[in-house]
Amino acid sequence: MDKIKVHILRKLYRHGKIGESYTPIDNLRHGLPQSDRDMKIIEQVVKELHNEGLVFLWKKNTTISLNPTALDKIKEIIGYYDF
């Protein structure tokens, strides 16, 4: 599950989905191996990220974006460092 968490956070960060710029949760499975594309697992990981305060859920929990106040923690998780 940790690899899916990192995939989701990295994908949202790379595409600039921060704050009120959001994307459908269905789009998160693109780029994952076929064995990890189960939407039940992805939705469970999204719920965990939301409970940790790293992401926002929009439009009746069908879309997702990164929490702008948690960007430092997100960068640490995905391994992105500003030099």
Protein backbone atom coordinates (compact mmCIF):
# COMPACT_ATOMS: atom_id res chain seq x y z
CA MET A 1 0.00 0.00 0.00
CA ASP A 2 2.89 2.37 0.63
CA LYS A 3 3.93 2.13 -3.00
CA ILE A 4 0.38 3.09 -4.04
CA LYS A 5 0.42 6.04 -1.60
CA VAL A 6 3.66 7.31 -3.09
CA HIS A 7 2.31 6.80 -6.63
CA ILE A 8 -0.84 8.82 -5.85
CA LEU A 9 1.00 11.66 -4.11
CA ARG A 10 3.69 11.84 -6.80
CA LYS A 11 1.13 11.85 -9.62
CA LEU A 12 -0.94 14.62 -8.03
CA TYR A 13 2.17 16.71 -7.31
CA ARG A 14 3.65 16.22 -10.78
CA HIS A 15 0.39 17.31 -12.46
CA GLY A 16 -0.07 20.32 -10.16
CA LYS A 17 -3.27 19.08 -8.52
CA ILE A 18 -2.91 21.23 -5.41
CA GLY A 19 -5.72 22.99 -3.57
CA GLU A 20 -8.73 23.69 -5.76
CA SER A 21 -7.19 22.06 -8.83
CA TYR A 22 -8.45 18.49 -8.63
CA THR A 23 -8.69 15.30 -10.69
CA PRO A 24 -11.08 12.31 -10.65
CA ILE A 25 -10.02 9.44 -8.41
CA ASP A 26 -10.48 7.05 -11.37
CA ASN A 27 -7.45 8.68 -13.06
CA LEU A 28 -5.14 7.57 -10.24
CA ARG A 29 -4.96 3.98 -11.42
CA HIS A 30 -3.27 4.92 -14.70
CA GLY A 31 0.43 4.17 -14.48
CA LEU A 32 0.06 1.41 -11.88
CA PRO A 33 0.82 -2.24 -12.66
CA GLN A 34 -2.23 -4.28 -13.64
CA SER A 35 -2.19 -6.10 -10.28
CA ASP A 36 -2.52 -2.81 -8.33
CA ARG A 37 -5.35 -1.25 -10.34
CA ASP A 38 -8.17 -2.49 -8.09
CA MET A 39 -10.35 0.55 -7.30
CA LYS A 40 -11.24 -0.80 -3.83
CA ILE A 41 -7.57 -0.68 -2.82
CA ILE A 42 -7.08 2.76 -4.39
CA GLU A 43 -10.16 4.14 -2.62
CA GLN A 44 -8.91 2.70 0.69
CA VAL A 45 -5.52 4.36 0.21
CA VAL A 46 -7.22 7.65 -0.71
CA LYS A 47 -9.29 7.46 2.48
CA GLU A 48 -6.09 6.89 4.52
CA LEU A 49 -4.40 9.87 2.85
CA HIS A 50 -7.47 12.00 3.58
CA ASN A 51 -7.48 10.93 7.23
CA GLU A 52 -3.78 11.86 7.46
CA GLY A 53 -4.63 15.33 6.09
CA LEU A 54 -2.48 15.01 2.98
CA VAL A 55 -5.29 15.27 0.39
CA PHE A 56 -8.65 16.98 -0.04
CA LEU A 57 -11.69 15.19 -1.46
CA TRP A 58 -14.10 17.19 -3.62
CA LYS A 59 -17.46 16.68 -5.37
CA LYS A 60 -18.93 14.02 -3.07
CA ASN A 61 -15.57 12.25 -2.70
CA THR A 62 -15.13 11.58 -6.43
CA THR A 63 -12.21 13.95 -7.04
CA ILE A 64 -8.93 14.53 -5.20
CA SER A 65 -6.24 17.17 -4.76
CA LEU A 66 -3.24 17.73 -2.51
CA ASN A 67 -3.55 19.73 0.69
CA PRO A 68 -1.40 22.85 0.12
CA THR A 69 -0.59 23.17 3.84
CA ALA A 70 0.93 19.67 3.85
CA LEU A 71 3.24 20.10 0.84
CA ASP A 72 6.42 19.87 2.92
CA LYS A 73 5.39 16.50 4.32
CA ILE A 74 4.25 15.32 0.87
CA LYS A 75 7.61 16.28 -0.69
CA GLU A 76 9.36 14.32 2.06
CA ILE A 77 7.23 11.23 1.37
CA ILE A 78 7.70 11.28 -2.40
CA GLY A 79 11.40 12.09 -2.18
CA TYR A 80 11.29 15.51 -3.83
CA TYR A 81 13.74 18.02 -2.40
CA ASP A 82 14.36 21.64 -3.36
CA PHE A 83 18.05 22.40 -3.46
